[in-house]
Protein backbone atom coordinates (compact mmCIF):
# COMPACT_ATOMS: atom_id res chain seq x y z
CA UNK A 1 0.00 0.00 0.00
CA UNK A 2 1.43 3.42 -0.92
CA UNK A 3 2.48 5.75 1.89
CA UNK A 4 2.27 8.61 -0.64
CA UNK A 5 0.60 8.73 -4.05
CA UNK A 6 1.38 11.36 -6.68
CA UNK A 7 -0.17 11.50 -10.15
CA UNK A 8 1.56 13.06 -13.16
CA UNK A 9 -0.90 13.96 -15.92
CA UNK A 10 0.58 13.93 -19.41
CA UNK A 11 -0.45 14.70 -22.94
CA UNK A 12 0.77 11.74 -24.96
CA UNK A 13 3.48 12.75 -27.41
CA UNK A 14 4.19 16.09 -25.77
CA UNK A 15 7.27 17.21 -27.77
CA UNK A 16 8.95 18.17 -24.47
CA UNK A 17 7.64 15.15 -22.62
CA UNK A 18 10.97 13.39 -22.20
CA UNK A 19 12.63 16.41 -20.63
CA UNK A 20 9.64 17.27 -18.46
CA UNK A 21 8.94 13.78 -17.12
CA UNK A 22 12.61 13.14 -16.31
CA UNK A 23 12.69 16.41 -14.38
CA UNK A 24 9.53 15.64 -12.37
CA UNK A 25 10.67 12.13 -11.49
CA UNK A 26 14.00 13.49 -10.27
CA UNK A 27 12.09 16.02 -8.18
CA UNK A 28 9.55 13.56 -6.72
CA UNK A 29 12.07 10.76 -6.04
CA UNK A 30 9.58 7.86 -6.19
CA UNK A 31 10.04 4.47 -4.54
CA UNK A 32 7.92 2.94 -7.31
CA UNK A 33 6.47 4.07 -10.65
CA UNK A 34 3.14 2.96 -12.11
CA UNK A 35 2.40 3.73 -15.76
CA UNK A 36 -1.05 3.96 -17.34
CA UNK A 37 -2.29 0.64 -18.72
CA UNK A 38 -2.58 1.51 -22.39
CA UNK A 39 -1.98 -0.80 -25.34
CA UNK A 40 0.19 1.69 -27.22
CA UNK A 41 2.27 2.33 -24.11
CA UNK A 42 2.66 -1.40 -23.56
CA UNK A 43 3.99 -1.74 -27.10
CA UNK A 44 6.36 1.15 -26.40
CA UNK A 45 7.67 -0.67 -23.33
CA UNK A 46 8.56 -3.64 -25.52
CA UNK A 47 10.46 -1.39 -27.90
CA UNK A 48 12.07 0.47 -25.00
CA UNK A 49 13.47 -2.87 -23.86
CA UNK A 50 15.13 -3.23 -27.25
CA UNK A 51 16.71 0.22 -26.88
CA UNK A 52 17.26 0.24 -23.13
CA UNK A 53 20.13 2.69 -23.27
CA UNK A 54 18.07 5.32 -25.04
CA UNK A 55 15.83 7.62 -23.02
CA UNK A 56 14.50 9.61 -25.96
CA UNK A 57 13.04 7.96 -29.04
CA UNK A 58 10.99 10.32 -31.17
CA UNK A 59 8.92 7.47 -32.58
CA UNK A 60 7.83 6.17 -29.15
CA UNK A 61 5.71 7.52 -26.32
CA UNK A 62 7.99 9.17 -23.80
CA UNK A 63 6.13 7.81 -20.76
CA UNK A 64 7.47 4.33 -21.43
CA UNK A 65 11.06 5.26 -22.22
CA UNK A 66 11.58 7.77 -19.41
CA UNK A 67 9.87 5.69 -16.71
CA UNK A 68 11.83 2.57 -17.67
CA UNK A 69 15.14 4.41 -17.71
CA UNK A 70 14.51 6.11 -14.35
CA UNK A 71 13.48 2.86 -12.66
CA UNK A 72 16.58 1.06 -13.90
CA UNK A 73 18.93 3.86 -12.91
CA UNK A 74 17.56 4.02 -9.38
CA UNK A 75 16.77 0.35 -8.84
CA UNK A 76 13.07 0.86 -8.10
CA UNK A 77 10.09 -1.20 -9.27
CA UNK A 78 8.15 -0.18 -12.35
CA UNK A 79 4.59 -1.44 -12.80
CA UNK A 80 2.66 -1.59 -16.07
CA UNK A 81 -0.09 -4.03 -17.05
CA UNK A 82 0.94 -5.94 -20.13
CA UNK A 83 -1.48 -7.66 -22.48
CA UNK A 84 -1.44 -10.92 -20.52
CA UNK A 85 -1.72 -9.41 -17.04
CA UNK A 86 -5.16 -10.41 -15.68
CA UNK A 87 -6.96 -8.58 -12.88
CA UNK A 88 -10.43 -9.75 -11.87
CA UNK A 89 -10.62 -11.96 -14.93
CA UNK A 90 -9.88 -9.16 -17.38
CA UNK A 91 -6.83 -8.14 -19.35
CA UNK A 92 -5.71 -5.16 -21.37
CA UNK A 93 -7.01 -6.79 -24.54
CA UNK A 94 -10.55 -6.48 -23.17
CA UNK A 95 -10.41 -2.71 -22.91
CA UNK A 96 -11.82 -0.20 -25.35
CA UNK A 97 -8.74 1.20 -27.05
CA UNK A 98 -8.13 4.31 -29.12
CA UNK A 99 -8.18 3.50 -32.83
CA UNK A 100 -6.24 5.50 -35.38
CA UNK A 101 -9.02 5.08 -37.90
CA UNK A 102 -11.56 6.66 -35.53
CA UNK A 103 -9.61 9.73 -34.48
CA UNK A 104 -11.29 12.91 -35.68
CA UNK A 105 -8.87 15.42 -34.16
CA UNK A 106 -5.11 15.90 -34.24
CA UNK A 107 -4.81 15.57 -30.45
CA UNK A 108 -2.61 12.47 -30.29
CA UNK A 109 -0.43 13.63 -33.17
CA UNK A 110 0.86 16.84 -31.55
CA UNK A 111 4.31 15.45 -30.92
CA UNK A 112 4.56 13.20 -33.94
CA UNK A 113 7.69 13.55 -36.05
CA UNK A 114 7.54 14.21 -39.78
CA UNK A 115 8.68 10.69 -40.68
CA UNK A 116 6.01 9.00 -38.58
CA UNK A 117 3.30 11.35 -39.83
CA UNK A 118 4.32 10.61 -43.43
CA UNK A 119 4.31 6.84 -42.79
CA UNK A 120 0.83 6.94 -41.29
CA UNK A 121 -0.48 9.03 -44.16
CA UNK A 122 1.06 6.61 -46.68
CA UNK A 123 -0.56 3.54 -45.15
CA UNK A 124 -3.93 5.25 -44.90
CA UNK A 125 -4.09 5.34 -41.12
CA UNK A 126 -5.12 9.00 -41.05
CA UNK A 127 -8.36 9.00 -42.97
CA UNK A 128 -10.42 11.78 -41.37
CA UNK A 129 -10.11 15.56 -41.35
CA UNK A 130 -7.40 15.57 -44.00
CA UNK A 131 -7.37 19.36 -43.98
CA UNK A 132 -6.49 19.44 -40.28
CA UNK A 133 -3.74 16.88 -40.74
CA UNK A 134 -2.29 18.79 -43.67
CA UNK A 135 -2.30 21.99 -41.62
CA UNK A 136 -0.72 20.21 -38.67
CA UNK A 137 2.00 18.70 -40.84
CA UNK A 138 3.16 22.19 -41.81
CA UNK A 139 3.36 23.50 -38.23
CA UNK A 140 6.74 24.29 -36.76
CA UNK A 141 7.97 22.82 -33.43
CA UNK A 142 7.07 25.95 -31.44
CA UNK A 143 3.55 26.00 -32.86
CA UNK A 144 3.02 22.34 -32.01
CA UNK A 145 4.35 22.86 -28.49
CA UNK A 146 1.97 25.79 -28.05
CA UNK A 147 -1.00 23.56 -28.88
CA UNK A 148 0.12 20.96 -26.36
CA UNK A 149 0.71 23.46 -23.56
CA UNK A 150 -2.68 25.07 -24.13
CA UNK A 151 -4.38 21.70 -23.68
CA UNK A 152 -2.77 21.14 -20.29
CA UNK A 153 -5.01 23.98 -19.10
CA UNK A 154 -8.16 22.20 -20.26
CA UNK A 155 -9.07 20.07 -17.23
CA UNK A 156 -11.20 17.71 -19.32
CA UNK A 157 -8.49 17.22 -21.92
CA UNK A 158 -9.11 13.97 -23.71
CA UNK A 159 -12.84 13.88 -23.03
CA UNK A 160 -13.71 16.05 -26.02
CA UNK A 161 -11.48 13.93 -28.23
CA UNK A 162 -12.97 10.65 -27.03
CA UNK A 163 -16.70 11.45 -26.94
CA UNK A 164 -18.45 10.13 -30.00
CA UNK A 165 -16.23 7.09 -30.39
CA UNK A 166 -17.23 5.17 -27.27
CA UNK A 167 -18.79 6.11 -23.91
CA UNK A 168 -16.75 8.18 -21.48
CA UNK A 169 -17.00 5.33 -18.98
CA UNK A 170 -14.99 3.14 -21.35
CA UNK A 171 -12.37 5.83 -21.90
CA UNK A 172 -11.70 6.52 -18.23
CA UNK A 173 -12.62 3.26 -16.53
CA UNK A 174 -11.56 0.92 -19.34
CA UNK A 175 -7.97 0.58 -18.15
CA UNK A 176 -8.05 2.39 -14.82
CA UNK A 177 -9.11 -0.69 -12.87
CA UNK A 178 -5.86 -2.32 -14.00
CA UNK A 179 -3.73 0.67 -13.06
CA UNK A 180 -5.54 1.11 -9.74
CA UNK A 181 -4.71 -2.46 -8.72
CA UNK A 182 -1.04 -1.90 -9.52
CA UNK A 183 -1.02 1.31 -7.47
CA UNK A 184 -2.59 -0.35 -4.43
CA UNK A 185 -0.05 -3.18 -4.55
CA UNK A 186 2.94 -0.80 -4.66
CA UNK A 187 4.76 0.44 -1.55
CA UNK A 188 6.32 3.70 -0.39
CA UNK A 189 6.19 6.93 -2.38
CA UNK A 190 4.37 5.94 -5.57
CA UNK A 191 4.28 8.10 -8.69
CA UNK A 192 1.64 7.18 -11.29
CA UNK A 193 2.16 8.49 -14.82
CA UNK A 194 -0.67 8.68 -17.32
CA UNK A 195 -2.82 10.75 -19.63
CA UNK A 196 -4.57 13.87 -18.33
CA UNK A 197 -8.11 12.49 -18.55
CA UNK A 198 -7.20 9.73 -16.07
CA UNK A 199 -6.29 12.29 -13.41
CA UNK A 200 -8.25 15.48 -14.12
CA UNK A 201 -11.81 16.50 -14.91
CA UNK A 202 -14.17 13.59 -14.31
CA UNK A 203 -14.68 12.21 -10.83
CA UNK A 204 -14.81 8.51 -11.65
CA UNK A 205 -11.35 8.32 -13.14
CA UNK A 206 -8.14 6.97 -11.60
CA UNK A 207 -7.75 9.98 -9.32
CA UNK A 208 -11.34 9.64 -8.10
CA UNK A 209 -10.95 5.91 -7.51
CA UNK A 210 -7.97 6.44 -5.19
CA UNK A 211 -9.14 9.38 -3.06
CA UNK A 212 -8.84 7.17 0.03
CA UNK A 213 -5.05 7.28 -0.51
CA UNK A 214 -5.03 11.10 -0.36
CA UNK A 215 -3.28 11.53 -3.72
CA UNK A 216 -1.78 14.69 -5.19
CA UNK A 217 -1.68 15.45 -8.90
CA UNK A 218 0.58 17.48 -11.16
CA UNK A 219 0.32 18.42 -14.82
CA UNK A 220 3.47 17.53 -16.71
CA UNK A 221 4.08 21.08 -17.89
CA UNK A 222 4.50 22.17 -14.26
CA UNK A 223 7.99 20.69 -14.55
CA UNK A 224 8.92 23.99 -16.20
CA UNK A 225 8.56 25.72 -12.81
CA UNK A 226 11.08 23.53 -11.02
C-alpha atoms as a PDB file:
ATOM      1  CA  UNK A   1       0.000   0.000   0.000  1.00  0.00           C
ATOM      2  CA  UNK A   2       1.434   3.422  -0.919  1.00  0.00           C
ATOM      3  CA  UNK A   3       2.484   5.748   1.885  1.00  0.00           C
ATOM      4  CA  UNK A   4       2.269   8.613  -0.643  1.00  0.00           C
ATOM      5  CA  UNK A   5       0.601   8.728  -4.053  1.00  0.00           C
ATOM      6  CA  UNK A   6       1.375  11.360  -6.676  1.00  0.00           C
ATOM      7  CA  UNK A   7      -0.169  11.502 -10.150  1.00  0.00           C
ATOM      8  CA  UNK A   8       1.561  13.057 -13.156  1.00  0.00           C
ATOM      9  CA  UNK A   9      -0.900  13.964 -15.917  1.00  0.00           C
ATOM     10  CA  UNK A  10       0.585  13.932 -19.409  1.00  0.00           C
ATOM     11  CA  UNK A  11      -0.446  14.699 -22.935  1.00  0.00           C
ATOM     12  CA  UNK A  12       0.772  11.740 -24.956  1.00  0.00           C
ATOM     13  CA  UNK A  13       3.479  12.752 -27.415  1.00  0.00           C
ATOM     14  CA  UNK A  14       4.190  16.086 -25.772  1.00  0.00           C
ATOM     15  CA  UNK A  15       7.268  17.209 -27.770  1.00  0.00           C
ATOM     16  CA  UNK A  16       8.955  18.167 -24.473  1.00  0.00           C
ATOM     17  CA  UNK A  17       7.636  15.146 -22.621  1.00  0.00           C
ATOM     18  CA  UNK A  18      10.972  13.386 -22.198  1.00  0.00           C
ATOM     19  CA  UNK A  19      12.625  16.412 -20.631  1.00  0.00           C
ATOM     20  CA  UNK A  20       9.636  17.275 -18.457  1.00  0.00           C
ATOM     21  CA  UNK A  21       8.943  13.784 -17.118  1.00  0.00           C
ATOM     22  CA  UNK A  22      12.608  13.140 -16.310  1.00  0.00           C
ATOM     23  CA  UNK A  23      12.688  16.413 -14.383  1.00  0.00           C
ATOM     24  CA  UNK A  24       9.532  15.644 -12.375  1.00  0.00           C
ATOM     25  CA  UNK A  25      10.672  12.127 -11.488  1.00  0.00           C
ATOM     26  CA  UNK A  26      14.003  13.488 -10.265  1.00  0.00           C
ATOM     27  CA  UNK A  27      12.089  16.025  -8.179  1.00  0.00           C
ATOM     28  CA  UNK A  28       9.550  13.559  -6.719  1.00  0.00           C
ATOM     29  CA  UNK A  29      12.066  10.757  -6.040  1.00  0.00           C
ATOM     30  CA  UNK A  30       9.578   7.860  -6.190  1.00  0.00           C
ATOM     31  CA  UNK A  31      10.038   4.473  -4.535  1.00  0.00           C
ATOM     32  CA  UNK A  32       7.917   2.940  -7.312  1.00  0.00           C
ATOM     33  CA  UNK A  33       6.472   4.072 -10.646  1.00  0.00           C
ATOM     34  CA  UNK A  34       3.145   2.963 -12.110  1.00  0.00           C
ATOM     35  CA  UNK A  35       2.396   3.731 -15.761  1.00  0.00           C
ATOM     36  CA  UNK A  36      -1.047   3.956 -17.342  1.00  0.00           C
ATOM     37  CA  UNK A  37      -2.286   0.642 -18.724  1.00  0.00           C
ATOM     38  CA  UNK A  38      -2.577   1.505 -22.392  1.00  0.00           C
ATOM     39  CA  UNK A  39      -1.980  -0.802 -25.342  1.00  0.00           C
ATOM     40  CA  UNK A  40       0.192   1.694 -27.219  1.00  0.00           C
ATOM     41  CA  UNK A  41       2.270   2.326 -24.105  1.00  0.00           C
ATOM     42  CA  UNK A  42       2.665  -1.403 -23.563  1.00  0.00           C
ATOM     43  CA  UNK A  43       3.994  -1.741 -27.104  1.00  0.00           C
ATOM     44  CA  UNK A  44       6.357   1.145 -26.401  1.00  0.00           C
ATOM     45  CA  UNK A  45       7.672  -0.670 -23.326  1.00  0.00           C
ATOM     46  CA  UNK A  46       8.561  -3.640 -25.517  1.00  0.00           C
ATOM     47  CA  UNK A  47      10.457  -1.386 -27.898  1.00  0.00           C
ATOM     48  CA  UNK A  48      12.067   0.471 -24.998  1.00  0.00           C
ATOM     49  CA  UNK A  49      13.466  -2.874 -23.862  1.00  0.00           C
ATOM     50  CA  UNK A  50      15.134  -3.233 -27.250  1.00  0.00           C
ATOM     51  CA  UNK A  51      16.712   0.220 -26.879  1.00  0.00           C
ATOM     52  CA  UNK A  52      17.263   0.238 -23.126  1.00  0.00           C
ATOM     53  CA  UNK A  53      20.134   2.694 -23.268  1.00  0.00           C
ATOM     54  CA  UNK A  54      18.066   5.324 -25.036  1.00  0.00           C
ATOM     55  CA  UNK A  55      15.833   7.622 -23.022  1.00  0.00           C
ATOM     56  CA  UNK A  56      14.504   9.610 -25.957  1.00  0.00           C
ATOM     57  CA  UNK A  57      13.042   7.963 -29.042  1.00  0.00           C
ATOM     58  CA  UNK A  58      10.993  10.317 -31.170  1.00  0.00           C
ATOM     59  CA  UNK A  59       8.917   7.475 -32.578  1.00  0.00           C
ATOM     60  CA  UNK A  60       7.829   6.170 -29.148  1.00  0.00           C
ATOM     61  CA  UNK A  61       5.708   7.519 -26.318  1.00  0.00           C
ATOM     62  CA  UNK A  62       7.994   9.165 -23.804  1.00  0.00           C
ATOM     63  CA  UNK A  63       6.126   7.806 -20.757  1.00  0.00           C
ATOM     64  CA  UNK A  64       7.468   4.326 -21.433  1.00  0.00           C
ATOM     65  CA  UNK A  65      11.065   5.256 -22.223  1.00  0.00           C
ATOM     66  CA  UNK A  66      11.580   7.772 -19.410  1.00  0.00           C
ATOM     67  CA  UNK A  67       9.869   5.687 -16.707  1.00  0.00           C
ATOM     68  CA  UNK A  68      11.826   2.573 -17.667  1.00  0.00           C
ATOM     69  CA  UNK A  69      15.141   4.409 -17.713  1.00  0.00           C
ATOM     70  CA  UNK A  70      14.508   6.113 -14.347  1.00  0.00           C
ATOM     71  CA  UNK A  71      13.477   2.858 -12.664  1.00  0.00           C
ATOM     72  CA  UNK A  72      16.581   1.063 -13.901  1.00  0.00           C
ATOM     73  CA  UNK A  73      18.931   3.859 -12.907  1.00  0.00           C
ATOM     74  CA  UNK A  74      17.559   4.024  -9.378  1.00  0.00           C
ATOM     75  CA  UNK A  75      16.766   0.345  -8.837  1.00  0.00           C
ATOM     76  CA  UNK A  76      13.072   0.860  -8.103  1.00  0.00           C
ATOM     77  CA  UNK A  77      10.090  -1.201  -9.269  1.00  0.00           C
ATOM     78  CA  UNK A  78       8.148  -0.177 -12.352  1.00  0.00           C
ATOM     79  CA  UNK A  79       4.588  -1.436 -12.795  1.00  0.00           C
ATOM     80  CA  UNK A  80       2.658  -1.592 -16.068  1.00  0.00           C
ATOM     81  CA  UNK A  81      -0.093  -4.025 -17.047  1.00  0.00           C
ATOM     82  CA  UNK A  82       0.944  -5.942 -20.130  1.00  0.00           C
ATOM     83  CA  UNK A  83      -1.478  -7.663 -22.485  1.00  0.00           C
ATOM     84  CA  UNK A  84      -1.439 -10.920 -20.516  1.00  0.00           C
ATOM     85  CA  UNK A  85      -1.723  -9.408 -17.044  1.00  0.00           C
ATOM     86  CA  UNK A  86      -5.157 -10.412 -15.677  1.00  0.00           C
ATOM     87  CA  UNK A  87      -6.955  -8.584 -12.882  1.00  0.00           C
ATOM     88  CA  UNK A  88     -10.429  -9.751 -11.869  1.00  0.00           C
ATOM     89  CA  UNK A  89     -10.621 -11.960 -14.931  1.00  0.00           C
ATOM     90  CA  UNK A  90      -9.879  -9.158 -17.377  1.00  0.00           C
ATOM     91  CA  UNK A  91      -6.827  -8.142 -19.346  1.00  0.00           C
ATOM     92  CA  UNK A  92      -5.706  -5.158 -21.369  1.00  0.00           C
ATOM     93  CA  UNK A  93      -7.012  -6.789 -24.542  1.00  0.00           C
ATOM     94  CA  UNK A  94     -10.552  -6.485 -23.170  1.00  0.00           C
ATOM     95  CA  UNK A  95     -10.407  -2.707 -22.911  1.00  0.00           C
ATOM     96  CA  UNK A  96     -11.824  -0.196 -25.347  1.00  0.00           C
ATOM     97  CA  UNK A  97      -8.744   1.199 -27.051  1.00  0.00           C
ATOM     98  CA  UNK A  98      -8.134   4.311 -29.124  1.00  0.00           C
ATOM     99  CA  UNK A  99      -8.185   3.501 -32.830  1.00  0.00           C
ATOM    100  CA  UNK A 100      -6.237   5.503 -35.385  1.00  0.00           C
ATOM    101  CA  UNK A 101      -9.021   5.081 -37.902  1.00  0.00           C
ATOM    102  CA  UNK A 102     -11.565   6.662 -35.529  1.00  0.00           C
ATOM    103  CA  UNK A 103      -9.609   9.728 -34.485  1.00  0.00           C
ATOM    104  CA  UNK A 104     -11.293  12.914 -35.684  1.00  0.00           C
ATOM    105  CA  UNK A 105      -8.868  15.424 -34.162  1.00  0.00           C
ATOM    106  CA  UNK A 106      -5.112  15.901 -34.238  1.00  0.00           C
ATOM    107  CA  UNK A 107      -4.810  15.575 -30.450  1.00  0.00           C
ATOM    108  CA  UNK A 108      -2.610  12.472 -30.289  1.00  0.00           C
ATOM    109  CA  UNK A 109      -0.429  13.632 -33.166  1.00  0.00           C
ATOM    110  CA  UNK A 110       0.863  16.836 -31.548  1.00  0.00           C
ATOM    111  CA  UNK A 111       4.312  15.455 -30.920  1.00  0.00           C
ATOM    112  CA  UNK A 112       4.565  13.196 -33.936  1.00  0.00           C
ATOM    113  CA  UNK A 113       7.686  13.555 -36.047  1.00  0.00           C
ATOM    114  CA  UNK A 114       7.539  14.212 -39.779  1.00  0.00           C
ATOM    115  CA  UNK A 115       8.675  10.691 -40.681  1.00  0.00           C
ATOM    116  CA  UNK A 116       6.009   9.005 -38.581  1.00  0.00           C
ATOM    117  CA  UNK A 117       3.295  11.346 -39.831  1.00  0.00           C
ATOM    118  CA  UNK A 118       4.320  10.605 -43.427  1.00  0.00           C
ATOM    119  CA  UNK A 119       4.306   6.837 -42.791  1.00  0.00           C
ATOM    120  CA  UNK A 120       0.826   6.940 -41.290  1.00  0.00           C
ATOM    121  CA  UNK A 121      -0.479   9.025 -44.162  1.00  0.00           C
ATOM    122  CA  UNK A 122       1.064   6.606 -46.678  1.00  0.00           C
ATOM    123  CA  UNK A 123      -0.555   3.536 -45.150  1.00  0.00           C
ATOM    124  CA  UNK A 124      -3.930   5.252 -44.904  1.00  0.00           C
ATOM    125  CA  UNK A 125      -4.091   5.336 -41.118  1.00  0.00           C
ATOM    126  CA  UNK A 126      -5.116   8.998 -41.051  1.00  0.00           C
ATOM    127  CA  UNK A 127      -8.365   8.996 -42.970  1.00  0.00           C
ATOM    128  CA  UNK A 128     -10.425  11.783 -41.370  1.00  0.00           C
ATOM    129  CA  UNK A 129     -10.105  15.557 -41.353  1.00  0.00           C
ATOM    130  CA  UNK A 130      -7.404  15.566 -44.001  1.00  0.00           C
ATOM    131  CA  UNK A 131      -7.374  19.355 -43.981  1.00  0.00           C
ATOM    132  CA  UNK A 132      -6.486  19.436 -40.284  1.00  0.00           C
ATOM    133  CA  UNK A 133      -3.744  16.876 -40.742  1.00  0.00           C
ATOM    134  CA  UNK A 134      -2.292  18.794 -43.671  1.00  0.00           C
ATOM    135  CA  UNK A 135      -2.296  21.986 -41.620  1.00  0.00           C
ATOM    136  CA  UNK A 136      -0.716  20.214 -38.674  1.00  0.00           C
ATOM    137  CA  UNK A 137       2.002  18.703 -40.844  1.00  0.00           C
ATOM    138  CA  UNK A 138       3.161  22.189 -41.807  1.00  0.00           C
ATOM    139  CA  UNK A 139       3.360  23.501 -38.231  1.00  0.00           C
ATOM    140  CA  UNK A 140       6.743  24.291 -36.761  1.00  0.00           C
ATOM    141  CA  UNK A 141       7.969  22.820 -33.431  1.00  0.00           C
ATOM    142  CA  UNK A 142       7.065  25.947 -31.440  1.00  0.00           C
ATOM    143  CA  UNK A 143       3.551  26.005 -32.860  1.00  0.00           C
ATOM    144  CA  UNK A 144       3.016  22.340 -32.009  1.00  0.00           C
ATOM    145  CA  UNK A 145       4.347  22.858 -28.490  1.00  0.00           C
ATOM    146  CA  UNK A 146       1.965  25.785 -28.050  1.00  0.00           C
ATOM    147  CA  UNK A 147      -0.999  23.559 -28.882  1.00  0.00           C
ATOM    148  CA  UNK A 148       0.123  20.959 -26.363  1.00  0.00           C
ATOM    149  CA  UNK A 149       0.712  23.455 -23.562  1.00  0.00           C
ATOM    150  CA  UNK A 150      -2.681  25.066 -24.126  1.00  0.00           C
ATOM    151  CA  UNK A 151      -4.377  21.698 -23.679  1.00  0.00           C
ATOM    152  CA  UNK A 152      -2.771  21.142 -20.292  1.00  0.00           C
ATOM    153  CA  UNK A 153      -5.011  23.982 -19.096  1.00  0.00           C
ATOM    154  CA  UNK A 154      -8.155  22.196 -20.261  1.00  0.00           C
ATOM    155  CA  UNK A 155      -9.072  20.068 -17.226  1.00  0.00           C
ATOM    156  CA  UNK A 156     -11.204  17.708 -19.324  1.00  0.00           C
ATOM    157  CA  UNK A 157      -8.491  17.221 -21.923  1.00  0.00           C
ATOM    158  CA  UNK A 158      -9.108  13.969 -23.708  1.00  0.00           C
ATOM    159  CA  UNK A 159     -12.839  13.877 -23.033  1.00  0.00           C
ATOM    160  CA  UNK A 160     -13.714  16.047 -26.017  1.00  0.00           C
ATOM    161  CA  UNK A 161     -11.481  13.926 -28.234  1.00  0.00           C
ATOM    162  CA  UNK A 162     -12.972  10.650 -27.033  1.00  0.00           C
ATOM    163  CA  UNK A 163     -16.700  11.447 -26.940  1.00  0.00           C
ATOM    164  CA  UNK A 164     -18.455  10.128 -30.003  1.00  0.00           C
ATOM    165  CA  UNK A 165     -16.232   7.089 -30.392  1.00  0.00           C
ATOM    166  CA  UNK A 166     -17.235   5.170 -27.274  1.00  0.00           C
ATOM    167  CA  UNK A 167     -18.787   6.108 -23.911  1.00  0.00           C
ATOM    168  CA  UNK A 168     -16.746   8.175 -21.480  1.00  0.00           C
ATOM    169  CA  UNK A 169     -17.001   5.329 -18.977  1.00  0.00           C
ATOM    170  CA  UNK A 170     -14.989   3.141 -21.353  1.00  0.00           C
ATOM    171  CA  UNK A 171     -12.370   5.829 -21.895  1.00  0.00           C
ATOM    172  CA  UNK A 172     -11.701   6.517 -18.229  1.00  0.00           C
ATOM    173  CA  UNK A 173     -12.625   3.256 -16.532  1.00  0.00           C
ATOM    174  CA  UNK A 174     -11.564   0.918 -19.340  1.00  0.00           C
ATOM    175  CA  UNK A 175      -7.968   0.580 -18.154  1.00  0.00           C
ATOM    176  CA  UNK A 176      -8.050   2.391 -14.817  1.00  0.00           C
ATOM    177  CA  UNK A 177      -9.112  -0.692 -12.872  1.00  0.00           C
ATOM    178  CA  UNK A 178      -5.863  -2.316 -14.004  1.00  0.00           C
ATOM    179  CA  UNK A 179      -3.731   0.667 -13.065  1.00  0.00           C
ATOM    180  CA  UNK A 180      -5.539   1.111  -9.741  1.00  0.00           C
ATOM    181  CA  UNK A 181      -4.715  -2.461  -8.722  1.00  0.00           C
ATOM    182  CA  UNK A 182      -1.045  -1.900  -9.522  1.00  0.00           C
ATOM    183  CA  UNK A 183      -1.023   1.306  -7.467  1.00  0.00           C
ATOM    184  CA  UNK A 184      -2.592  -0.351  -4.432  1.00  0.00           C
ATOM    185  CA  UNK A 185      -0.054  -3.177  -4.554  1.00  0.00           C
ATOM    186  CA  UNK A 186       2.937  -0.802  -4.656  1.00  0.00           C
ATOM    187  CA  UNK A 187       4.764   0.439  -1.549  1.00  0.00           C
ATOM    188  CA  UNK A 188       6.320   3.695  -0.392  1.00  0.00           C
ATOM    189  CA  UNK A 189       6.187   6.932  -2.379  1.00  0.00           C
ATOM    190  CA  UNK A 190       4.367   5.937  -5.569  1.00  0.00           C
ATOM    191  CA  UNK A 191       4.275   8.098  -8.690  1.00  0.00           C
ATOM    192  CA  UNK A 192       1.644   7.180 -11.289  1.00  0.00           C
ATOM    193  CA  UNK A 193       2.162   8.486 -14.819  1.00  0.00           C
ATOM    194  CA  UNK A 194      -0.674   8.683 -17.319  1.00  0.00           C
ATOM    195  CA  UNK A 195      -2.820  10.755 -19.631  1.00  0.00           C
ATOM    196  CA  UNK A 196      -4.566  13.867 -18.333  1.00  0.00           C
ATOM    197  CA  UNK A 197      -8.107  12.493 -18.551  1.00  0.00           C
ATOM    198  CA  UNK A 198      -7.204   9.731 -16.075  1.00  0.00           C
ATOM    199  CA  UNK A 199      -6.288  12.287 -13.406  1.00  0.00           C
ATOM    200  CA  UNK A 200      -8.250  15.478 -14.124  1.00  0.00           C
ATOM    201  CA  UNK A 201     -11.810  16.499 -14.911  1.00  0.00           C
ATOM    202  CA  UNK A 202     -14.169  13.591 -14.312  1.00  0.00           C
ATOM    203  CA  UNK A 203     -14.681  12.207 -10.826  1.00  0.00           C
ATOM    204  CA  UNK A 204     -14.814   8.510 -11.649  1.00  0.00           C
ATOM    205  CA  UNK A 205     -11.345   8.320 -13.144  1.00  0.00           C
ATOM    206  CA  UNK A 206      -8.139   6.970 -11.604  1.00  0.00           C
ATOM    207  CA  UNK A 207      -7.751   9.981  -9.323  1.00  0.00           C
ATOM    208  CA  UNK A 208     -11.337   9.640  -8.104  1.00  0.00           C
ATOM    209  CA  UNK A 209     -10.952   5.912  -7.512  1.00  0.00           C
ATOM    210  CA  UNK A 210      -7.974   6.436  -5.192  1.00  0.00           C
ATOM    211  CA  UNK A 211      -9.137   9.375  -3.062  1.00  0.00           C
ATOM    212  CA  UNK A 212      -8.842   7.174   0.032  1.00  0.00           C
ATOM    213  CA  UNK A 213      -5.051   7.281  -0.510  1.00  0.00           C
ATOM    214  CA  UNK A 214      -5.033  11.104  -0.355  1.00  0.00           C
ATOM    215  CA  UNK A 215      -3.279  11.535  -3.719  1.00  0.00           C
ATOM    216  CA  UNK A 216      -1.776  14.694  -5.185  1.00  0.00           C
ATOM    217  CA  UNK A 217      -1.678  15.455  -8.901  1.00  0.00           C
ATOM    218  CA  UNK A 218       0.581  17.477 -11.155  1.00  0.00           C
ATOM    219  CA  UNK A 219       0.325  18.423 -14.821  1.00  0.00           C
ATOM    220  CA  UNK A 220       3.472  17.529 -16.707  1.00  0.00           C
ATOM    221  CA  UNK A 221       4.077  21.077 -17.894  1.00  0.00           C
ATOM    222  CA  UNK A 222       4.499  22.168 -14.260  1.00  0.00           C
ATOM    223  CA  UNK A 223       7.990  20.690 -14.549  1.00  0.00           C
ATOM    224  CA  UNK A 224       8.924  23.989 -16.199  1.00  0.00           C
ATOM    225  CA  UNK A 225       8.557  25.724 -12.814  1.00  0.00           C
ATOM    226  CA  UNK A 226      11.081  23.532 -11.021  1.00  0.00           C
END
